[in-house]
Amino acid sequence: MALRPWASGHLREVVGWTPAAPLEARTVAIAALGMAVPVMAGLALGKPHLGFTIGLGAMLLADQTPAQAPASPDRPSAIAALLPAALAVTLATLIAGGPWTDPAMILLAAVAAAVSGYSRPVAVTAIRFIVYLVLSVSLLDSAGGHRTAVALVFGLGAVWNMAIRALLRGPRASGPAAPARKPTPAQLRAHWRKTMSQLSGWQFPIRVLVGLAAGSGLRHLWPSHHFFWIVLTVALLTQRPLEPVPVKITQRAAGSLLGVGLTWAILAIAAPPLGLAAIICVLGAAAPLARSRSYLVYSVISTPVILLVMDLGKPVAAALLTDRLAATLIGAIIVVSLNVLLARVIARTAPPGPTAARA
């Protein structure tokens, strides 16, 4: 009886549209220029893959906070937002292509997840790092012998987005800042050590470690398929709060299904390179605008951009798109399974509350 109301509410959240600040010309310009300028420059120079890679970096490695938004204690500065991307790209370049690439990537991601409980800003940075690391390793894995060049070009995308935001920065909201009492470093360390002394404090690094390891194992079990997408899906969908079936997972799975269908349609009607470039520019500009309003719509829009750019210059066959879709669904199943399993284990091992103790 309780399943039907839950499913109904879950579906409403999946297809819902989150209210956000009205779109301003500056916001639209940042999104459009982030993708369009690198793509057009790449086409003009006869290096379309470079332009597409920079545009992808601008779309994925960008801080989505509006340029004119007021400062917030939990909002990182532009440099702080770039640091996890820069570190992830650097480390991915060092470990990519070797026999220990996947174990090194998983270990680095697990360490980042473990320290994410130190404070909220550290959590934001750690989660950014994990996603950027896995995405960078995935991109470099498909780059063959040009990994260093691709890593640098991909990282330039974030720099390019920051430059646009700086040039088009609008007036910030003024007003007295609300006084905030921040915990001292000693208090933060004490809280983190106390949290990590319990199983519930380890739930995020455990899910990251086991989920990425499972995805990596499946990838190597079927090397003829394009299953690194499983690992990337696990990184994208493993959230820090432990929730059995987060709305984001359903949105990502449904969005990927629709996005793969959209990719098929694009390949059927677009004549490369100009037609493909025009469509990627439109989708790449729309993706950041949709991200804060509907993760479902963002997933539908961003999936073709990622698929087409990562496999640029290669024949995008139906089997490749089918592999991407299957990998997304497998990754979602891994994340949900770990969420449910660990939530049950924690519930069974948690000390009884006052009510249970009296009973």
Protein backbone atom coordinates (compact mmCIF):
# COMPACT_ATOMS: atom_id res chain seq x y z
CA MET A 1 0.00 0.00 0.00
CA ALA A 2 2.88 2.37 0.77
CA LEU A 3 4.60 1.60 -2.53
CA ARG A 4 2.04 3.36 -4.74
CA PRO A 5 2.21 6.76 -2.97
CA TRP A 6 6.01 6.55 -2.95
CA ALA A 7 6.12 5.73 -6.67
CA SER A 8 3.71 8.55 -7.46
CA GLY A 9 5.74 11.09 -5.48
CA HIS A 10 9.00 9.77 -6.93
CA LEU A 11 7.68 10.16 -10.48
CA ARG A 12 6.54 13.72 -9.79
CA GLU A 13 10.03 14.60 -8.60
CA VAL A 14 11.64 12.89 -11.59
CA VAL A 15 9.69 14.91 -14.16
CA GLY A 16 9.41 18.05 -12.05
CA TRP A 17 10.96 21.39 -12.94
CA THR A 18 12.84 23.08 -10.11
CA PRO A 19 12.14 26.81 -9.81
CA ALA A 20 15.29 28.80 -10.41
CA ALA A 21 16.33 32.38 -10.99
CA PRO A 22 15.05 33.78 -14.31
CA LEU A 23 17.45 33.34 -17.18
CA GLU A 24 19.34 36.52 -17.96
CA ALA A 25 21.15 37.40 -21.18
CA ARG A 26 24.47 37.08 -19.33
CA THR A 27 23.72 33.52 -18.21
CA VAL A 28 22.66 32.47 -21.69
CA ALA A 29 25.76 34.12 -23.21
CA ILE A 30 28.10 32.27 -20.84
CA ALA A 31 26.52 28.93 -21.74
CA ALA A 32 26.48 29.64 -25.47
CA LEU A 33 30.00 31.04 -25.75
CA GLY A 34 31.44 28.25 -23.61
CA MET A 35 30.65 25.70 -26.31
CA ALA A 36 30.30 27.70 -29.53
CA VAL A 37 33.58 29.65 -29.55
CA PRO A 38 35.91 26.63 -29.10
CA VAL A 39 33.93 24.57 -31.63
CA MET A 40 33.96 27.32 -34.26
CA ALA A 41 37.67 27.99 -33.65
CA GLY A 42 38.44 24.28 -33.99
CA LEU A 43 36.56 24.07 -37.28
CA ALA A 44 38.29 27.19 -38.61
CA LEU A 45 41.71 25.74 -37.76
CA GLY A 46 40.90 22.35 -39.19
CA LYS A 47 41.10 20.77 -35.71
CA PRO A 48 37.45 20.11 -34.84
CA HIS A 49 38.32 17.52 -32.17
CA LEU A 50 40.25 20.16 -30.19
CA GLY A 51 37.35 22.60 -30.29
CA PHE A 52 34.83 19.96 -29.27
CA THR A 53 37.02 18.77 -26.39
CA ILE A 54 37.47 22.31 -25.02
CA GLY A 55 33.73 22.90 -25.35
CA LEU A 56 32.99 19.67 -23.50
CA GLY A 57 35.34 20.74 -20.72
CA ALA A 58 33.60 24.12 -20.51
CA MET A 59 30.22 22.40 -20.22
CA LEU A 60 31.15 19.71 -17.71
CA LEU A 61 33.84 21.39 -15.61
CA ALA A 62 31.96 24.63 -15.05
CA ASP A 63 30.64 26.12 -11.84
CA GLN A 64 26.91 26.32 -12.45
CA THR A 65 26.29 29.14 -9.96
CA PRO A 66 24.98 32.28 -11.68
CA ALA A 67 27.65 34.90 -12.26
CA GLN A 68 25.72 37.58 -10.36
CA ALA A 69 24.77 35.37 -7.41
CA PRO A 70 25.70 36.61 -3.95
CA ALA A 71 28.58 35.05 -2.16
CA SER A 72 27.86 32.12 0.09
CA PRO A 73 30.00 30.47 2.77
CA ASP A 74 29.51 27.12 1.02
CA ARG A 75 30.09 28.42 -2.49
CA PRO A 76 33.70 27.97 -3.63
CA SER A 77 35.55 30.77 -5.35
CA ALA A 78 36.30 30.48 -9.05
CA ILE A 79 39.83 29.26 -8.31
CA ALA A 80 38.61 26.81 -5.65
CA ALA A 81 36.04 25.44 -8.11
CA LEU A 82 38.80 24.89 -10.69
CA LEU A 83 41.26 23.18 -8.33
CA PRO A 84 39.52 19.77 -8.13
CA ALA A 85 39.21 19.72 -11.93
CA ALA A 86 42.87 20.63 -12.40
CA LEU A 87 44.03 18.06 -9.84
CA ALA A 88 41.79 15.36 -11.32
CA VAL A 89 42.99 15.98 -14.87
CA THR A 90 46.64 15.98 -13.70
CA LEU A 91 46.30 12.72 -11.78
CA ALA A 92 44.28 11.12 -14.56
CA THR A 93 47.09 11.96 -17.00
CA LEU A 94 49.64 10.32 -14.71
CA ILE A 95 47.72 7.07 -14.21
CA ALA A 96 45.93 6.68 -17.56
CA GLY A 97 47.06 3.97 -19.92
CA GLY A 98 48.87 1.85 -17.35
CA PRO A 99 48.05 -1.57 -15.92
CA TRP A 100 47.09 -0.01 -12.59
CA THR A 101 44.88 2.75 -14.00
CA ASP A 102 41.59 1.49 -12.59
CA PRO A 103 42.93 0.51 -9.11
CA ALA A 104 44.70 3.88 -8.79
CA MET A 105 41.57 5.74 -9.88
CA ILE A 106 39.37 3.81 -7.45
CA LEU A 107 41.80 4.34 -4.57
CA LEU A 108 42.03 8.09 -5.22
CA ALA A 109 38.24 8.37 -5.42
CA ALA A 110 37.80 6.41 -2.17
CA VAL A 111 40.30 8.64 -0.34
CA ALA A 112 38.46 11.74 -1.58
CA ALA A 113 35.16 10.25 -0.40
CA ALA A 114 36.64 9.49 3.03
CA VAL A 115 37.79 13.08 3.62
CA SER A 116 34.52 14.54 2.29
CA GLY A 117 32.99 14.41 5.76
CA TYR A 118 35.42 16.99 7.14
CA SER A 119 33.24 19.97 6.19
CA ARG A 120 30.69 21.01 3.62
CA PRO A 121 33.17 22.89 1.38
CA VAL A 122 35.50 19.89 1.48
CA ALA A 123 32.56 17.63 0.58
CA VAL A 124 31.74 19.79 -2.47
CA THR A 125 35.38 19.75 -3.57
CA ALA A 126 35.76 15.99 -3.00
CA ILE A 127 32.65 15.14 -5.00
CA ARG A 128 33.78 17.38 -7.84
CA PHE A 129 37.18 15.68 -7.79
CA ILE A 130 35.69 12.17 -7.95
CA VAL A 131 33.48 12.96 -10.94
CA TYR A 132 36.22 14.87 -12.77
CA LEU A 133 38.77 12.10 -12.12
CA VAL A 134 36.59 9.32 -13.51
CA LEU A 135 35.46 11.48 -16.43
CA SER A 136 39.06 12.43 -17.25
CA VAL A 137 40.28 8.82 -17.11
CA SER A 138 37.38 7.83 -19.36
CA LEU A 139 38.17 10.57 -21.87
CA LEU A 140 41.90 9.81 -21.83
CA ASP A 141 41.23 6.09 -22.20
CA SER A 142 39.59 6.80 -25.56
CA ALA A 143 42.37 9.19 -26.64
CA GLY A 144 44.94 6.51 -27.42
CA GLY A 145 48.49 7.87 -27.64
CA HIS A 146 47.52 11.54 -27.32
CA ARG A 147 46.49 11.46 -23.67
CA THR A 148 48.55 14.39 -22.42
CA ALA A 149 47.40 16.70 -25.20
CA VAL A 150 43.76 15.70 -24.70
CA ALA A 151 44.04 16.24 -20.94
CA LEU A 152 45.44 19.74 -21.42
CA VAL A 153 42.79 20.62 -23.99
CA PHE A 154 40.02 19.21 -21.79
CA GLY A 155 41.28 21.23 -18.81
CA LEU A 156 41.32 24.36 -20.95
CA GLY A 157 37.56 24.08 -21.11
CA ALA A 158 37.23 24.94 -17.42
CA VAL A 159 39.67 27.82 -17.81
CA TRP A 160 37.72 29.08 -20.81
CA ASN A 161 34.46 28.98 -18.86
CA MET A 162 36.05 30.89 -15.99
CA ALA A 163 37.35 33.53 -18.41
CA ILE A 164 33.89 34.05 -19.89
CA ARG A 165 32.31 34.35 -16.47
CA ALA A 166 34.94 36.90 -15.43
CA LEU A 167 34.41 38.98 -18.58
CA LEU A 168 30.62 38.89 -18.30
CA ARG A 169 30.43 39.23 -14.55
CA GLY A 170 27.41 41.24 -13.49
CA PRO A 171 26.71 43.19 -10.32
CA ARG A 172 26.49 41.05 -7.24
CA ALA A 173 23.59 41.28 -4.91
CA SER A 174 24.36 43.78 -2.16
CA GLY A 175 23.25 43.76 1.40
CA PRO A 176 24.57 42.99 4.85
CA ALA A 177 26.01 39.53 5.09
CA ALA A 178 24.37 37.34 7.67
CA PRO A 179 26.75 36.65 10.53
CA ALA A 180 27.90 33.07 10.49
CA ARG A 181 29.70 31.29 13.25
CA LYS A 182 32.17 28.90 11.69
CA PRO A 183 33.58 25.90 13.56
CA THR A 184 37.29 25.95 14.25
CA PRO A 185 39.64 23.48 12.51
CA ALA A 186 39.98 21.61 15.81
CA GLN A 187 36.20 21.25 16.04
CA LEU A 188 36.00 20.07 12.45
CA ARG A 189 38.70 17.46 13.01
CA ALA A 190 37.03 16.22 16.18
CA HIS A 191 33.67 15.94 14.42
CA TRP A 192 35.23 14.13 11.45
CA ARG A 193 37.06 11.64 13.68
CA LYS A 194 33.86 10.95 15.62
CA THR A 195 31.91 10.44 12.40
CA MET A 196 34.50 8.07 10.97
CA SER A 197 34.45 5.96 14.14
CA GLN A 198 31.03 4.66 13.06
CA LEU A 199 30.00 2.55 10.08
CA SER A 200 27.59 5.26 8.96
CA GLY A 201 30.55 7.61 8.55
CA TRP A 202 32.15 5.21 6.08
CA GLN A 203 29.03 4.59 3.99
CA PHE A 204 30.02 7.06 1.23
CA PRO A 205 33.63 5.86 0.70
CA ILE A 206 32.44 2.23 0.87
CA ARG A 207 29.83 2.82 -1.84
CA VAL A 208 32.34 4.73 -3.99
CA LEU A 209 35.01 2.04 -3.60
CA VAL A 210 32.77 -0.98 -4.14
CA GLY A 211 30.69 0.66 -6.88
CA LEU A 212 33.68 1.76 -8.95
CA ALA A 213 35.37 -1.61 -8.41
CA ALA A 214 32.24 -3.44 -9.60
CA GLY A 215 31.99 -1.22 -12.66
CA SER A 216 35.68 -1.71 -13.42
CA GLY A 217 35.34 -5.47 -13.04
CA LEU A 218 32.42 -5.61 -15.47
CA ARG A 219 34.32 -3.40 -17.89
CA HIS A 220 37.29 -5.77 -17.98
CA LEU A 221 35.06 -8.84 -18.02
CA TRP A 222 33.65 -7.72 -21.39
CA PRO A 223 36.50 -5.72 -22.95
CA SER A 224 34.90 -5.77 -26.41
CA HIS A 225 32.10 -3.53 -25.15
CA HIS A 226 32.31 0.15 -24.24
CA PHE A 227 31.62 -0.38 -20.56
CA PHE A 228 33.77 2.32 -18.98
CA TRP A 229 30.46 4.17 -19.07
CA ILE A 230 29.42 1.94 -16.14
CA VAL A 231 32.23 3.38 -14.03
CA LEU A 232 31.33 6.92 -15.06
CA THR A 233 27.65 6.31 -14.26
CA VAL A 234 28.53 5.01 -10.79
CA ALA A 235 30.65 8.12 -10.13
CA LEU A 236 27.86 10.44 -11.27
CA LEU A 237 25.06 8.73 -9.34
CA THR A 238 26.74 7.88 -6.03
CA GLN A 239 25.64 10.72 -3.78
CA ARG A 240 26.99 11.42 -0.32
CA PRO A 241 23.64 11.12 1.52
CA LEU A 242 22.57 7.48 1.77
CA GLU A 243 19.19 7.14 0.07
CA PRO A 244 18.07 3.79 -1.40
CA VAL A 245 16.57 5.08 -4.67
CA PRO A 246 17.46 8.74 -5.20
CA VAL A 247 15.44 10.70 -7.75
CA LYS A 248 18.70 11.52 -9.54
CA ILE A 249 19.25 7.86 -10.44
CA THR A 250 15.86 7.54 -12.12
CA GLN A 251 16.42 10.85 -13.89
CA ARG A 252 19.84 9.75 -15.14
CA ALA A 253 18.61 6.37 -16.39
CA ALA A 254 15.57 7.82 -18.14
CA GLY A 255 17.60 10.76 -19.45
CA SER A 256 20.25 8.46 -20.88
CA LEU A 257 17.61 6.34 -22.59
CA LEU A 258 16.09 9.42 -24.23
CA GLY A 259 19.57 10.87 -24.86
CA VAL A 260 20.72 7.80 -26.76
CA GLY A 261 17.57 8.01 -28.88
CA LEU A 262 18.34 11.67 -29.51
CA THR A 263 21.88 10.75 -30.52
CA TRP A 264 20.55 8.27 -33.07
CA ALA A 265 18.31 11.01 -34.51
CA ILE A 266 21.21 13.48 -34.67
CA LEU A 267 23.44 11.05 -36.51
CA ALA A 268 20.62 10.35 -38.95
CA ILE A 269 19.95 13.98 -39.88
CA ALA A 270 23.21 15.87 -39.24
CA ALA A 271 25.84 16.14 -41.94
CA PRO A 272 29.31 16.33 -40.35
CA PRO A 273 31.19 18.37 -39.57
CA LEU A 274 29.16 21.60 -39.79
CA GLY A 275 25.75 20.11 -39.12
CA LEU A 276 27.06 18.08 -36.21
CA ALA A 277 28.92 21.11 -34.85
CA ALA A 278 25.79 23.27 -34.95
CA ILE A 279 23.72 20.70 -33.06
CA ILE A 280 26.45 20.10 -30.46
CA CYS A 281 26.77 23.85 -29.91
CA VAL A 282 23.03 24.21 -29.29
CA LEU A 283 22.88 21.24 -26.93
CA GLY A 284 26.11 22.19 -25.17
CA ALA A 285 24.78 25.68 -24.53
CA ALA A 286 21.42 24.40 -23.31
CA ALA A 287 22.82 21.78 -20.92
CA PRO A 288 24.19 24.17 -18.24
CA LEU A 289 20.94 26.15 -18.34
CA ALA A 290 18.88 23.01 -17.69
CA ARG A 291 21.16 21.55 -15.02
CA SER A 292 19.82 23.55 -12.06
CA ARG A 293 16.21 23.19 -13.22
CA SER A 294 15.79 19.55 -14.24
CA TYR A 295 18.46 16.86 -14.02
CA LEU A 296 16.26 14.74 -16.30
CA VAL A 297 16.37 17.34 -19.07
CA TYR A 298 20.08 17.91 -18.43
CA SER A 299 20.75 14.18 -18.84
CA VAL A 300 18.79 14.05 -22.09
CA ILE A 301 20.69 17.05 -23.50
CA SER A 302 24.19 16.24 -22.23
CA THR A 303 24.20 12.56 -23.23
CA PRO A 304 24.48 13.21 -27.01
CA VAL A 305 27.16 15.86 -26.42
CA ILE A 306 29.32 13.50 -24.33
CA LEU A 307 28.77 10.55 -26.69
CA LEU A 308 29.53 12.49 -29.85
CA VAL A 309 32.57 14.33 -28.48
CA MET A 310 34.17 11.33 -26.76
CA ASP A 311 33.84 9.29 -29.95
CA LEU A 312 34.57 12.13 -32.37
CA GLY A 313 36.26 10.89 -35.51
CA LYS A 314 35.13 7.32 -34.89
CA PRO A 315 32.13 5.62 -36.45
CA VAL A 316 29.32 5.84 -33.89
CA ALA A 317 27.59 2.54 -34.59
CA ALA A 318 24.31 1.35 -33.13
CA ALA A 319 26.22 -1.18 -31.02
CA LEU A 320 28.18 1.64 -29.35
CA LEU A 321 25.00 3.51 -28.40
CA THR A 322 23.43 0.30 -27.14
CA ASP A 323 26.51 -0.34 -25.00
CA ARG A 324 26.27 3.16 -23.52
CA LEU A 325 22.62 2.66 -22.65
CA ALA A 326 23.21 -0.78 -21.15
CA ALA A 327 26.16 0.60 -19.16
CA THR A 328 23.99 3.40 -17.74
CA LEU A 329 21.34 0.95 -16.57
CA ILE A 330 23.96 -1.41 -15.10
CA GLY A 331 25.63 1.49 -13.28
CA ALA A 332 22.29 2.60 -11.86
CA ILE A 333 21.56 -0.95 -10.65
CA ILE A 334 24.98 -1.10 -8.94
CA VAL A 335 24.38 2.19 -7.13
CA VAL A 336 20.85 1.31 -6.00
CA SER A 337 21.91 -2.17 -4.86
CA LEU A 338 24.75 -0.74 -2.76
CA ASN A 339 22.46 1.93 -1.33
CA VAL A 340 19.83 -0.59 -0.25
CA LEU A 341 22.36 -3.11 1.09
CA LEU A 342 24.39 -0.61 3.10
CA ALA A 343 21.29 1.13 4.46
CA ARG A 344 20.07 -2.22 5.82
CA VAL A 345 23.45 -3.10 7.30
CA ILE A 346 23.73 0.27 9.04
CA ALA A 347 20.17 0.00 10.35
CA ARG A 348 20.92 -3.43 11.85
CA THR A 349 24.23 -2.42 13.41
CA ALA A 350 23.16 1.00 14.70
CA PRO A 351 22.88 1.24 18.50
CA PRO A 352 19.27 1.29 19.74
CA GLY A 353 17.71 4.67 20.37
CA PRO A 354 16.13 5.71 23.68
CA THR A 355 12.76 4.20 22.73
CA ALA A 356 14.25 0.88 21.68
CA ALA A 357 16.41 0.78 24.79
CA ARG A 358 13.37 1.24 27.05
CA ALA A 359 11.52 -1.47 25.15
